[in-house]
Amino acid sequence: MRGAAAVVLALVALVGSGLLFNEQLAPPATGEPGYALPPQPAQTAIDRELAPILAAHPGETGALLLADGLDAFAARAMSARRAGRSLDLQYYIWNDDLAGRLLAREAHAAAERGVRVRILLDDLTAQGRDPQWMALDAHPRIELRLYNPFRNRGGGLERGVELVQRAFSINHRMHNKAWIADGRVAVIGGRNIGEEYFEASDAVNFHDLDLLLFGPAVDDASAIFDAFWNSAAAVPIDALHEATPQELAGFLTRADDIALQARAAPYLARVAASPNVRAYLDGALQPHWGRDIEVVSDPPLKAGDDDRGDWLATRLLAGMGEARDKALLVSPYFVPGQALTGRLTALAAAGVQVGVVTNSLAANDVPAVHSGYARYREPLLRGGVRLYEMKARGDHGDHGAFGSSGASLHTKAFVVDDRHGFVGSFNLDPRSANLNTEMGVLFDHPGLAAGVRDEYLRLASPPVSYWLYLGDDGGLRWLDRATQPPTVLRDEPDAAWPRRALATVLGWLPIESQL
């Protein structure tokens, strides 16, 4: 008992010291202020290509929906290749895999041409990657900063102690995703950098959505990037770790090796064959144009901001509440809580068609999130909200208690009354609302709304999702409408008992605020 008491006292002391000395425990932001390079009339290839197009649509932003992973990869790679002035890249995850290395190589190649490259990454998933990121940062035209980083860069006890000591502050993460080239072109949406986001993985592929933007809304994205880049949470990686010229050479050699591996050539050939890529090369793309297209974000230091008026959750929930005809929502992590459940059921009671597409337990890669969502299914259904759960697709079967298989939903979007909408990084859960910084594109545009609505309908369609309803006994039912006749299921589909049991146990824990 004395030993247990000592452990408890030590944990209390660590957390208490973290609360008292958080400013001193967090690594300081020592980077020089930096700002987006202003666009020029005809300085770069992107400037020259876009000049006549933008002149034909003064004051308007052009936008293209990128639902296809190959198109999403191509938009990033091709804009990096055409860039001549700057690349500003902001991501929650940048994986060390085929897609991650190919896009890192594009950024490095741009720097070799004289392009200024700034990379801002959340530090939570960067553990063990410091040598590779330092290798890029060592280039004179590349600077890399980490958001809210750990002071201890290795694993083990020291990092564990810091995790406990800074438990409250380290929990706030940067979930933003932005790829900005020459201050002219921006890709904003839900995709991180990794194989699963760009249809390059044999194991799992995500359904996701980005918007490719050019015009005034790109200025919004650049201003948001600068705010994060210059915030107290952004720390230069060279202030946290040391690298050598040998590490730079070694990283570039490995990147070249990856690009030459058997998987890279077929993947890049698939990208090049994409109809939208061919349309771009032929000058045949038809973007949506409008004045009411805006890139929005949480403040960089959201955790210390008591005024929620400029939080993204405030704006998004207000937009949903204005629905008069329909509100169609897509969120991979959907934990509505009592407040949003009440809003959605109130809309349905007022005659608004309210529909939600989210992941099934089998498709969800975070069972704890599903446990938080599960308790709201019956109140939502009783209140008239339509629920659809993504099927776990693929030949890999159920991965037991912790992993998802085949395909997962990662799209985060909504459309209201076939006109207003959002595409971005924001999940309808407490973490996106209160803990993470999020960003995306708000629009008032019937053409973009139609595209998001069509994506919702595709995701809610019988081949892709189960339709949920309440049986005569009040119990949950999943209807597989893809079979003939349709099949009624009484248990969580495609999920083995260990996974169902884990979700049930997690649902007993008081962790909803962290989901």
Protein backbone atom coordinates (compact mmCIF):
# COMPACT_ATOMS: atom_id res chain seq x y z
CA MET A 1 0.00 0.00 0.00
CA ARG A 2 2.88 2.35 0.76
CA GLY A 3 4.29 1.62 -2.69
CA ALA A 4 0.96 2.34 -4.36
CA ALA A 5 0.62 5.55 -2.37
CA ALA A 6 4.08 6.62 -3.44
CA VAL A 7 3.19 6.06 -7.10
CA VAL A 8 -0.02 8.06 -6.74
CA LEU A 9 1.82 10.91 -4.99
CA ALA A 10 4.49 10.90 -7.71
CA LEU A 11 1.83 11.12 -10.44
CA VAL A 12 0.04 13.94 -8.60
CA ALA A 13 3.35 15.78 -8.18
CA LEU A 14 4.18 15.38 -11.86
CA VAL A 15 0.79 16.60 -13.05
CA GLY A 16 0.77 19.41 -10.48
CA SER A 17 4.21 20.63 -11.55
CA GLY A 18 3.03 20.49 -15.14
CA LEU A 19 0.07 22.72 -14.37
CA LEU A 20 2.25 25.18 -12.46
CA PHE A 21 5.22 25.27 -14.82
CA ASN A 22 3.77 24.37 -18.21
CA GLU A 23 5.29 27.41 -19.92
CA GLN A 24 8.75 26.39 -18.70
CA LEU A 25 8.30 22.70 -19.50
CA ALA A 26 7.19 23.21 -23.11
CA PRO A 27 10.02 23.77 -25.60
CA PRO A 28 10.17 27.49 -26.51
CA ALA A 29 9.32 28.79 -29.97
CA THR A 30 12.72 30.11 -31.00
CA GLY A 31 12.09 30.47 -34.74
CA GLU A 32 12.31 33.79 -36.53
CA PRO A 33 8.96 35.17 -37.71
CA GLY A 34 8.18 34.20 -41.28
CA TYR A 35 5.42 35.08 -43.70
CA ALA A 36 3.99 33.92 -47.00
CA LEU A 37 5.83 35.28 -50.04
CA PRO A 38 3.44 37.57 -51.93
CA PRO A 39 2.26 36.32 -55.34
CA GLN A 40 3.70 38.09 -58.37
CA PRO A 41 2.02 38.70 -61.73
CA ALA A 42 4.20 36.34 -63.76
CA GLN A 43 7.14 35.22 -61.64
CA THR A 44 6.48 31.47 -61.69
CA ALA A 45 4.84 28.91 -63.94
CA ILE A 46 1.82 28.80 -61.60
CA ASP A 47 1.55 32.62 -61.73
CA ARG A 48 1.55 32.57 -65.50
CA GLU A 49 -0.86 29.65 -65.85
CA LEU A 50 -3.42 31.09 -63.46
CA ALA A 51 -3.21 34.75 -64.52
CA PRO A 52 -5.68 34.56 -67.44
CA ILE A 53 -8.03 32.25 -65.54
CA LEU A 54 -8.17 34.48 -62.46
CA ALA A 55 -8.54 37.58 -64.66
CA ALA A 56 -11.67 36.04 -66.16
CA HIS A 57 -13.14 35.58 -62.65
CA PRO A 58 -12.16 38.70 -60.67
CA GLY A 59 -12.71 38.39 -56.94
CA GLU A 60 -13.81 34.77 -57.21
CA THR A 61 -12.21 31.58 -55.93
CA GLY A 62 -12.02 28.49 -58.09
CA ALA A 63 -12.59 25.13 -56.39
CA LEU A 64 -12.37 21.49 -57.44
CA LEU A 65 -13.51 18.57 -55.28
CA LEU A 66 -10.91 15.82 -54.94
CA ALA A 67 -12.69 12.65 -53.88
CA ASP A 68 -10.28 10.33 -55.70
CA GLY A 69 -7.02 9.54 -53.89
CA LEU A 70 -4.97 9.50 -57.09
CA ASP A 71 -6.22 12.98 -57.99
CA ALA A 72 -5.42 14.18 -54.47
CA PHE A 73 -1.83 12.90 -54.75
CA ALA A 74 -1.47 14.42 -58.21
CA ALA A 75 -2.70 17.83 -57.05
CA ARG A 76 0.03 17.96 -54.43
CA ALA A 77 2.83 16.50 -56.55
CA MET A 78 2.06 18.56 -59.66
CA SER A 79 1.69 21.83 -57.76
CA ALA A 80 5.04 21.17 -56.08
CA ARG A 81 6.64 20.55 -59.47
CA ARG A 82 5.17 23.75 -60.92
CA ALA A 83 6.05 25.88 -57.89
CA GLY A 84 8.75 28.47 -58.35
CA ARG A 85 8.46 30.59 -55.24
CA SER A 86 7.17 28.79 -52.13
CA LEU A 87 5.66 25.66 -50.64
CA ASP A 88 3.89 25.92 -47.27
CA LEU A 89 2.87 22.47 -45.98
CA GLN A 90 0.91 21.89 -42.75
CA TYR A 91 -0.09 18.38 -41.60
CA TYR A 92 -1.12 16.31 -38.61
CA ILE A 93 0.46 13.11 -40.01
CA TRP A 94 3.22 12.63 -42.59
CA ASN A 95 3.93 8.91 -42.82
CA ASP A 96 7.25 7.34 -43.67
CA ASP A 97 5.88 5.25 -46.54
CA LEU A 98 5.72 5.31 -50.32
CA ALA A 99 3.43 8.32 -50.61
CA GLY A 100 5.13 10.18 -47.76
CA ARG A 101 8.58 9.72 -49.25
CA LEU A 102 7.48 10.60 -52.77
CA LEU A 103 5.93 13.88 -51.60
CA ALA A 104 8.93 14.64 -49.36
CA ARG A 105 11.11 14.15 -52.43
CA GLU A 106 8.90 16.62 -54.36
CA ALA A 107 9.39 19.18 -51.60
CA HIS A 108 13.15 18.63 -51.62
CA ALA A 109 13.31 18.86 -55.42
CA ALA A 110 11.44 22.18 -55.24
CA ALA A 111 13.97 23.48 -52.72
CA GLU A 112 16.78 22.42 -55.04
CA ARG A 113 15.20 24.68 -57.71
CA GLY A 114 15.26 27.62 -55.28
CA VAL A 115 11.74 27.34 -53.86
CA ARG A 116 11.36 28.28 -50.20
CA VAL A 117 9.78 25.35 -48.34
CA ARG A 118 8.17 25.61 -44.91
CA ILE A 119 6.82 22.43 -43.26
CA LEU A 120 4.77 22.51 -40.07
CA LEU A 121 3.90 19.11 -38.54
CA ASP A 122 2.12 18.06 -35.40
CA ASP A 123 4.62 16.30 -33.15
CA LEU A 124 2.38 13.59 -31.71
CA THR A 125 3.00 11.12 -34.53
CA ALA A 126 6.54 12.27 -35.32
CA GLN A 127 8.30 10.13 -32.71
CA GLY A 128 11.40 8.46 -34.13
CA ARG A 129 11.36 10.57 -37.30
CA ASP A 130 13.68 13.37 -36.15
CA PRO A 131 16.72 12.29 -38.21
CA GLN A 132 14.69 12.25 -41.42
CA TRP A 133 13.02 15.58 -40.74
CA MET A 134 16.34 17.10 -39.69
CA ALA A 135 17.77 15.89 -42.98
CA LEU A 136 15.21 17.93 -44.86
CA ASP A 137 15.56 20.88 -42.48
CA ALA A 138 19.31 20.92 -43.14
CA HIS A 139 18.64 22.12 -46.69
CA PRO A 140 19.16 25.89 -46.82
CA ARG A 141 15.77 26.41 -48.51
CA ILE A 142 13.75 24.17 -46.16
CA GLU A 143 12.64 24.92 -42.62
CA LEU A 144 10.63 22.46 -40.55
CA ARG A 145 8.81 23.22 -37.31
CA LEU A 146 6.87 20.96 -34.94
CA TYR A 147 3.62 21.92 -33.25
CA ASN A 148 3.49 21.49 -29.45
CA PRO A 149 6.48 19.13 -29.43
CA PHE A 150 7.80 16.87 -26.70
CA ARG A 151 11.01 18.10 -25.14
CA ASN A 152 12.25 14.51 -24.87
CA ARG A 153 12.77 13.26 -28.40
CA GLY A 154 13.34 9.59 -27.67
CA GLY A 155 11.02 7.02 -26.21
CA GLY A 156 11.17 5.30 -22.88
CA LEU A 157 10.81 6.58 -19.36
CA GLU A 158 11.74 10.22 -19.95
CA ARG A 159 9.09 10.69 -22.62
CA GLY A 160 6.56 8.87 -20.45
CA VAL A 161 7.31 11.20 -17.54
CA GLU A 162 6.85 14.23 -19.78
CA LEU A 163 3.57 12.81 -21.09
CA VAL A 164 2.25 12.59 -17.53
CA GLN A 165 3.69 15.92 -16.45
CA ARG A 166 2.29 17.79 -19.44
CA ALA A 167 -0.87 15.66 -19.66
CA PHE A 168 -3.19 18.62 -20.12
CA SER A 169 -1.15 20.71 -22.56
CA ILE A 170 0.27 17.84 -24.64
CA ASN A 171 -3.30 16.70 -25.33
CA HIS A 172 -3.90 19.69 -27.60
CA ARG A 173 -2.88 18.82 -31.16
CA MET A 174 -2.80 20.48 -34.58
CA HIS A 175 -5.14 18.52 -36.88
CA ASN A 176 -4.90 21.01 -39.78
CA LYS A 177 -4.13 19.90 -43.34
CA ALA A 178 -2.92 22.34 -45.99
CA TRP A 179 -0.68 22.21 -49.07
CA ILE A 180 -0.03 25.68 -50.52
CA ALA A 181 2.08 26.32 -53.64
CA ASP A 182 3.35 29.81 -54.60
CA GLY A 183 0.52 31.36 -52.55
CA ARG A 184 -1.64 30.64 -55.60
CA VAL A 185 -2.86 27.05 -55.20
CA ALA A 186 -4.03 25.34 -52.02
CA VAL A 187 -5.21 21.81 -51.26
CA ILE A 188 -7.36 21.86 -48.12
CA GLY A 189 -9.35 18.97 -46.70
CA GLY A 190 -9.20 15.79 -44.67
CA ARG A 191 -6.16 13.95 -46.04
CA ASN A 192 -2.91 13.51 -44.18
CA ILE A 193 0.20 12.37 -46.04
CA GLY A 194 0.35 8.59 -46.32
CA GLU A 195 -0.40 5.65 -48.60
CA GLU A 196 -3.88 5.02 -47.21
CA TYR A 197 -5.02 8.54 -48.17
CA PHE A 198 -3.90 8.30 -51.80
CA GLU A 199 -4.99 4.79 -52.84
CA ALA A 200 -1.42 3.53 -52.61
CA SER A 201 -1.95 0.92 -49.90
CA ASP A 202 -2.77 -2.77 -50.34
CA ALA A 203 -3.97 -3.05 -46.73
CA VAL A 204 -6.39 -0.16 -46.23
CA ASN A 205 -7.64 2.83 -48.18
CA PHE A 206 -9.60 5.76 -46.82
CA HIS A 207 -12.59 7.45 -48.38
CA ASP A 208 -11.59 11.10 -48.09
CA LEU A 209 -12.22 14.53 -49.58
CA ASP A 210 -10.11 17.61 -50.37
CA LEU A 211 -10.71 20.88 -52.20
CA LEU A 212 -8.20 22.26 -54.69
CA LEU A 213 -8.43 26.06 -54.54
CA PHE A 214 -7.06 28.99 -56.47
CA GLY A 215 -7.97 32.63 -56.05
CA PRO A 216 -8.68 34.80 -52.96
CA ALA A 217 -9.39 31.85 -50.61
CA VAL A 218 -5.74 30.81 -50.97
CA ASP A 219 -4.83 34.06 -49.21
CA ASP A 220 -6.93 32.82 -46.26
CA ALA A 221 -4.95 29.57 -46.20
CA SER A 222 -1.62 31.43 -46.30
CA ALA A 223 -2.67 33.73 -43.44
CA ILE A 224 -3.70 30.70 -41.36
CA PHE A 225 -0.39 29.00 -42.06
CA ASP A 226 1.53 32.13 -41.00
CA ALA A 227 -0.48 32.38 -37.76
CA PHE A 228 0.44 28.80 -36.84
CA TRP A 229 4.03 29.12 -38.07
CA ASN A 230 4.65 32.19 -35.87
CA SER A 231 2.73 30.93 -32.83
CA ALA A 232 4.26 29.98 -29.50
CA ALA A 233 3.37 26.33 -30.24
CA ALA A 234 5.60 26.02 -33.34
CA VAL A 235 9.19 25.03 -32.49
CA PRO A 236 12.02 24.67 -35.06
CA ILE A 237 13.15 21.08 -35.18
CA ASP A 238 16.81 22.11 -35.07
CA ALA A 239 16.15 23.48 -31.57
CA LEU A 240 15.10 19.99 -30.47
CA HIS A 241 17.51 17.67 -32.24
CA GLU A 242 20.84 17.66 -34.08
CA ALA A 243 21.52 16.20 -37.51
CA THR A 244 24.57 15.62 -39.70
CA PRO A 245 25.22 16.04 -43.43
CA GLN A 246 25.50 12.26 -43.62
CA GLU A 247 21.91 11.90 -42.45
CA LEU A 248 20.75 14.24 -45.21
CA ALA A 249 22.56 12.20 -47.87
CA GLY A 250 21.26 8.96 -46.39
CA PHE A 251 17.67 10.15 -46.39
CA LEU A 252 17.80 11.30 -49.99
CA THR A 253 19.32 8.01 -51.08
CA ARG A 254 16.53 6.09 -49.35
CA ALA A 255 13.90 8.36 -50.92
CA ASP A 256 15.33 7.68 -54.36
CA ASP A 257 15.39 3.96 -53.63
CA ILE A 258 11.73 4.02 -52.63
CA ALA A 259 10.79 5.84 -55.81
CA LEU A 260 12.50 3.15 -57.87
CA GLN A 261 10.92 0.22 -56.08
CA ALA A 262 8.46 -1.97 -57.90
CA ARG A 263 5.40 -0.37 -56.26
CA ALA A 264 6.32 3.22 -57.12
CA ALA A 265 6.32 2.97 -60.91
CA PRO A 266 2.87 1.31 -61.22
CA TYR A 267 1.42 3.74 -58.67
CA LEU A 268 2.76 6.80 -60.47
CA ALA A 269 1.46 5.36 -63.73
CA ARG A 270 -2.02 5.11 -62.17
CA VAL A 271 -1.75 8.72 -61.04
CA ALA A 272 -0.74 9.85 -64.53
CA ALA A 273 -3.65 7.94 -66.07
CA SER A 274 -6.27 9.58 -63.83
CA PRO A 275 -8.96 11.27 -65.99
CA ASN A 276 -8.76 14.46 -63.95
CA VAL A 277 -4.98 14.58 -64.31
CA ARG A 278 -5.36 14.17 -68.05
CA ALA A 279 -8.01 16.90 -68.06
CA TYR A 280 -5.64 19.22 -66.20
CA LEU A 281 -2.86 18.61 -68.69
CA ASP A 282 -5.30 19.26 -71.53
CA GLY A 283 -6.65 22.43 -69.89
CA ALA A 284 -10.12 20.90 -69.71
CA LEU A 285 -10.90 21.08 -65.97
CA GLN A 286 -14.07 22.99 -65.05
CA PRO A 287 -13.77 24.36 -61.50
CA HIS A 288 -16.60 25.91 -59.52
CA TRP A 289 -16.26 29.68 -59.17
CA GLY A 290 -17.70 31.76 -56.36
CA ARG A 291 -17.15 34.63 -53.95
CA ASP A 292 -18.45 32.81 -50.87
CA ILE A 293 -15.65 30.25 -50.56
CA GLU A 294 -13.51 30.74 -47.45
CA VAL A 295 -10.69 28.83 -45.74
CA VAL A 296 -11.30 28.82 -41.98
CA SER A 297 -9.42 27.53 -38.95
CA ASP A 298 -9.27 27.43 -35.19
CA PRO A 299 -6.75 29.79 -33.57
CA PRO A 300 -3.25 28.30 -33.17
CA LEU A 301 -3.39 28.46 -29.36
CA LYS A 302 -6.94 27.21 -29.06
CA ALA A 303 -6.27 25.65 -25.65
CA GLY A 304 -5.66 29.03 -24.01
CA ASP A 305 -8.46 30.89 -25.79
CA ASP A 306 -11.57 31.34 -23.64
CA ASP A 307 -13.46 33.20 -26.37
CA ARG A 308 -15.08 30.46 -28.42
CA GLY A 309 -16.48 32.92 -30.94
CA ASP A 310 -13.59 32.29 -33.32
CA TRP A 311 -13.50 28.53 -32.79
CA LEU A 312 -14.42 26.47 -35.82
CA ALA A 313 -16.98 24.44 -33.87
CA THR A 314 -18.99 27.59 -33.17
CA ARG A 315 -19.23 28.48 -36.86
CA LEU A 316 -19.96 24.97 -38.07
CA LEU A 317 -22.69 24.26 -35.54
CA ALA A 318 -24.31 27.60 -36.33
CA GLY A 319 -24.33 26.70 -40.02
CA MET A 320 -25.94 23.32 -39.38
CA GLY A 321 -28.58 24.91 -37.20
CA GLU A 322 -29.77 27.06 -40.09
CA ALA A 323 -30.96 24.04 -42.09
CA ARG A 324 -34.53 24.34 -43.40
CA ASP A 325 -34.74 21.40 -45.81
CA LYS A 326 -31.83 18.99 -45.30
CA ALA A 327 -28.59 18.57 -43.39
CA LEU A 328 -26.33 15.79 -44.65
CA LEU A 329 -23.26 15.06 -42.50
CA VAL A 330 -20.20 12.86 -43.06
CA SER A 331 -17.87 12.28 -40.11
CA PRO A 332 -15.58 9.26 -39.57
CA TYR A 333 -15.44 9.94 -35.83
CA PHE A 334 -18.95 10.86 -34.73
CA VAL A 335 -19.52 11.44 -31.01
CA PRO A 336 -22.35 13.98 -30.99
CA GLY A 337 -22.87 14.29 -27.26
CA GLN A 338 -26.15 15.42 -25.79
CA ALA A 339 -25.95 18.93 -27.27
CA LEU A 340 -25.49 17.97 -30.93
CA THR A 341 -27.86 15.02 -30.56
CA GLY A 342 -30.47 17.50 -29.36
CA ARG A 343 -29.79 19.87 -32.25
CA LEU A 344 -30.03 17.16 -34.88
CA THR A 345 -33.20 15.61 -33.50
CA ALA A 346 -34.76 19.08 -33.17
CA LEU A 347 -34.04 19.70 -36.86
CA ALA A 348 -35.57 16.34 -37.77
CA ALA A 349 -38.65 17.16 -35.66
CA ALA A 350 -39.00 20.41 -37.61
CA GLY A 351 -39.21 18.47 -40.87
CA VAL A 352 -35.54 18.75 -41.92
CA GLN A 353 -34.03 15.64 -43.54
CA VAL A 354 -31.04 14.87 -41.31
CA GLY A 355 -28.60 12.14 -42.33
CA VAL A 356 -25.22 11.04 -40.97
CA VAL A 357 -22.63 8.73 -42.52
CA THR A 358 -19.96 7.45 -40.15
CA ASN A 359 -17.79 4.37 -39.65
CA SER A 360 -19.12 1.05 -38.43
CA LEU A 361 -17.28 -0.60 -35.56
CA ALA A 362 -15.46 -2.85 -38.04
CA ALA A 363 -14.37 0.08 -40.21
CA ASN A 364 -13.40 2.39 -37.35
CA ASP A 365 -9.68 2.44 -36.54
CA VAL A 366 -10.35 3.79 -33.01
CA PRO A 367 -12.75 1.52 -31.08
CA ALA A 368 -12.93 4.03 -28.22
CA VAL A 369 -14.52 6.58 -30.57
CA HIS A 370 -17.10 4.03 -31.64
CA SER A 371 -17.90 3.34 -28.00
CA GLY A 372 -18.59 7.05 -27.51
CA TYR A 373 -20.83 7.15 -30.59
CA ALA A 374 -22.74 3.95 -29.86
CA ARG A 375 -24.69 5.33 -26.91
CA TYR A 376 -26.25 8.05 -29.11
CA ARG A 377 -27.48 5.82 -31.93
CA GLU A 378 -30.85 4.96 -30.41
CA PRO A 379 -31.70 8.57 -29.35
CA LEU A 380 -30.77 9.80 -32.82
CA LEU A 381 -32.85 7.15 -34.57
CA ARG A 382 -35.83 7.73 -32.28
CA GLY A 383 -35.52 11.44 -33.05
CA GLY A 384 -35.77 10.90 -36.81
CA VAL A 385 -32.08 11.13 -37.80
CA ARG A 386 -30.98 8.71 -40.52
CA LEU A 387 -27.78 6.83 -39.74
CA TYR A 388 -25.49 4.99 -42.16
CA GLU A 389 -22.35 3.08 -41.14
CA MET A 390 -19.48 2.39 -43.50
CA LYS A 391 -18.81 -1.24 -44.32
CA ALA A 392 -15.35 -2.69 -43.76
CA ARG A 393 -14.27 -3.66 -47.26
CA GLY A 394 -11.37 -5.73 -48.56
CA ASP A 395 -10.09 -9.28 -48.42
CA HIS A 396 -8.39 -8.87 -45.07
CA GLY A 397 -11.26 -9.72 -42.76
CA ASP A 398 -11.68 -8.46 -39.23
CA HIS A 399 -8.38 -7.49 -37.57
CA GLY A 400 -9.39 -8.43 -34.06
CA ALA A 401 -9.99 -6.04 -31.19
CA PHE A 402 -7.92 -3.05 -32.28
CA GLY A 403 -7.53 -2.73 -36.05
CA SER A 404 -9.89 -1.85 -38.88
CA SER A 405 -9.73 -3.64 -42.20
CA GLY A 406 -10.25 -3.00 -45.89
CA ALA A 407 -11.67 0.50 -46.11
CA SER A 408 -12.45 3.26 -43.66
CA LEU A 409 -14.28 6.54 -43.87
CA HIS A 410 -12.05 9.60 -43.37
CA THR A 411 -14.16 12.26 -45.11
CA LYS A 412 -15.24 15.18 -42.93
CA ALA A 413 -17.91 17.27 -44.66
CA PHE A 414 -21.49 18.46 -44.49
CA VAL A 415 -23.98 20.16 -46.78
CA VAL A 416 -27.06 22.16 -45.76
CA ASP A 417 -30.05 22.88 -48.00
CA ASP A 418 -28.07 21.99 -51.15
CA ARG A 419 -26.15 25.25 -50.88
CA HIS A 420 -24.06 25.74 -47.75
CA GLY A 421 -21.32 23.34 -46.79
CA PHE A 422 -17.94 22.48 -45.35
CA VAL A 423 -15.02 20.23 -46.28
CA GLY A 424 -12.05 19.90 -43.97
CA SER A 425 -10.44 18.21 -40.97
CA PHE A 426 -13.22 18.69 -38.40
CA ASN A 427 -14.80 15.55 -36.93
CA LEU A 428 -18.13 15.82 -35.14
CA ASP A 429 -16.64 14.83 -31.79
CA PRO A 430 -15.43 16.52 -28.58
CA ARG A 431 -11.77 16.34 -29.58
CA SER A 432 -12.26 18.39 -32.74
CA ALA A 433 -14.60 20.77 -30.94
CA ASN A 434 -12.48 21.43 -27.86
CA LEU A 435 -8.95 19.98 -28.02
CA ASN A 436 -7.50 19.89 -31.54
CA THR A 437 -7.06 22.79 -33.92
CA GLU A 438 -9.00 22.18 -37.12
CA MET A 439 -9.40 23.84 -40.51
CA GLY A 440 -11.34 23.52 -43.74
CA VAL A 441 -13.36 25.30 -46.41
CA LEU A 442 -16.75 26.89 -45.78
CA PHE A 443 -18.80 27.66 -48.88
CA ASP A 444 -22.11 29.00 -50.07
CA HIS A 445 -22.23 27.58 -53.57
CA PRO A 446 -24.84 25.28 -55.15
CA GLY A 447 -22.31 23.56 -57.43
CA LEU A 448 -19.94 22.65 -54.62
CA ALA A 449 -22.91 21.69 -52.46
CA ALA A 450 -24.10 19.32 -55.19
CA GLY A 451 -20.67 17.70 -55.28
CA VAL A 452 -20.59 17.16 -51.51
CA ARG A 453 -24.19 15.90 -51.59
CA ASP A 454 -23.29 13.41 -54.31
CA GLU A 455 -20.36 12.19 -52.20
CA TYR A 456 -22.69 11.79 -49.22
CA LEU A 457 -25.13 9.78 -51.34
CA ARG A 458 -22.32 7.59 -52.65
CA LEU A 459 -21.06 6.90 -49.14
CA ALA A 460 -24.61 6.17 -47.91
CA SER A 461 -25.37 3.88 -50.84
CA PRO A 462 -26.13 0.14 -50.35
CA PRO A 463 -22.77 -1.16 -51.64
CA VAL A 464 -20.85 1.05 -49.24
CA SER A 465 -22.87 1.41 -46.02
CA TYR A 466 -25.36 -0.28 -43.73
CA TRP A 467 -28.62 1.53 -42.96
CA LEU A 468 -29.52 1.56 -39.26
CA TYR A 469 -33.02 1.41 -37.84
CA LEU A 470 -34.85 0.34 -34.67
CA GLY A 471 -36.70 -2.98 -34.68
CA ASP A 472 -40.13 -3.60 -33.26
CA ASP A 473 -38.51 -4.46 -29.94
CA GLY A 474 -36.59 -1.17 -29.92
CA GLY A 475 -33.26 -2.86 -30.63
CA LEU A 476 -30.73 -1.76 -33.21
CA ARG A 477 -30.78 -3.33 -36.65
CA TRP A 478 -28.34 -3.01 -39.55
CA LEU A 479 -29.82 -3.46 -43.02
CA ASP A 480 -27.46 -4.65 -45.74
CA ARG A 481 -29.29 -3.34 -48.80
CA ALA A 482 -26.68 -4.72 -51.21
CA THR A 483 -27.94 -8.31 -50.86
CA GLN A 484 -31.02 -9.76 -52.51
CA PRO A 485 -33.16 -9.87 -50.51
CA PRO A 486 -31.74 -7.27 -48.08
CA THR A 487 -30.21 -8.85 -44.97
CA VAL A 488 -31.12 -7.74 -41.45
CA LEU A 489 -28.28 -7.95 -38.90
CA ARG A 490 -28.76 -7.76 -35.12
CA ASP A 491 -25.08 -7.42 -34.08
CA GLU A 492 -22.32 -4.99 -35.09
CA PRO A 493 -21.58 -6.16 -38.66
CA ASP A 494 -18.22 -7.61 -39.66
CA ALA A 495 -16.84 -7.22 -36.12
CA ALA A 496 -15.70 -10.30 -34.16
CA TRP A 497 -16.64 -10.67 -30.51
CA PRO A 498 -13.31 -9.36 -29.06
CA ARG A 499 -13.77 -6.07 -30.88
CA ARG A 500 -17.42 -5.81 -29.84
CA ALA A 501 -16.48 -6.61 -26.24
CA LEU A 502 -13.71 -4.00 -26.25
CA ALA A 503 -16.09 -1.32 -27.55
CA THR A 504 -18.60 -2.23 -24.84
CA VAL A 505 -16.01 -2.01 -22.05
CA LEU A 506 -14.64 1.30 -23.38
CA GLY A 507 -18.19 2.64 -23.36
CA TRP A 508 -18.26 2.26 -19.58
CA LEU A 509 -15.26 4.59 -19.10
CA PRO A 510 -15.65 8.38 -18.53
CA ILE A 511 -13.55 9.31 -21.56
CA GLU A 512 -16.05 10.97 -23.89
CA SER A 513 -14.47 14.42 -23.53
CA GLN A 514 -11.21 13.03 -24.95
CA LEU A 515 -12.74 11.32 -28.00
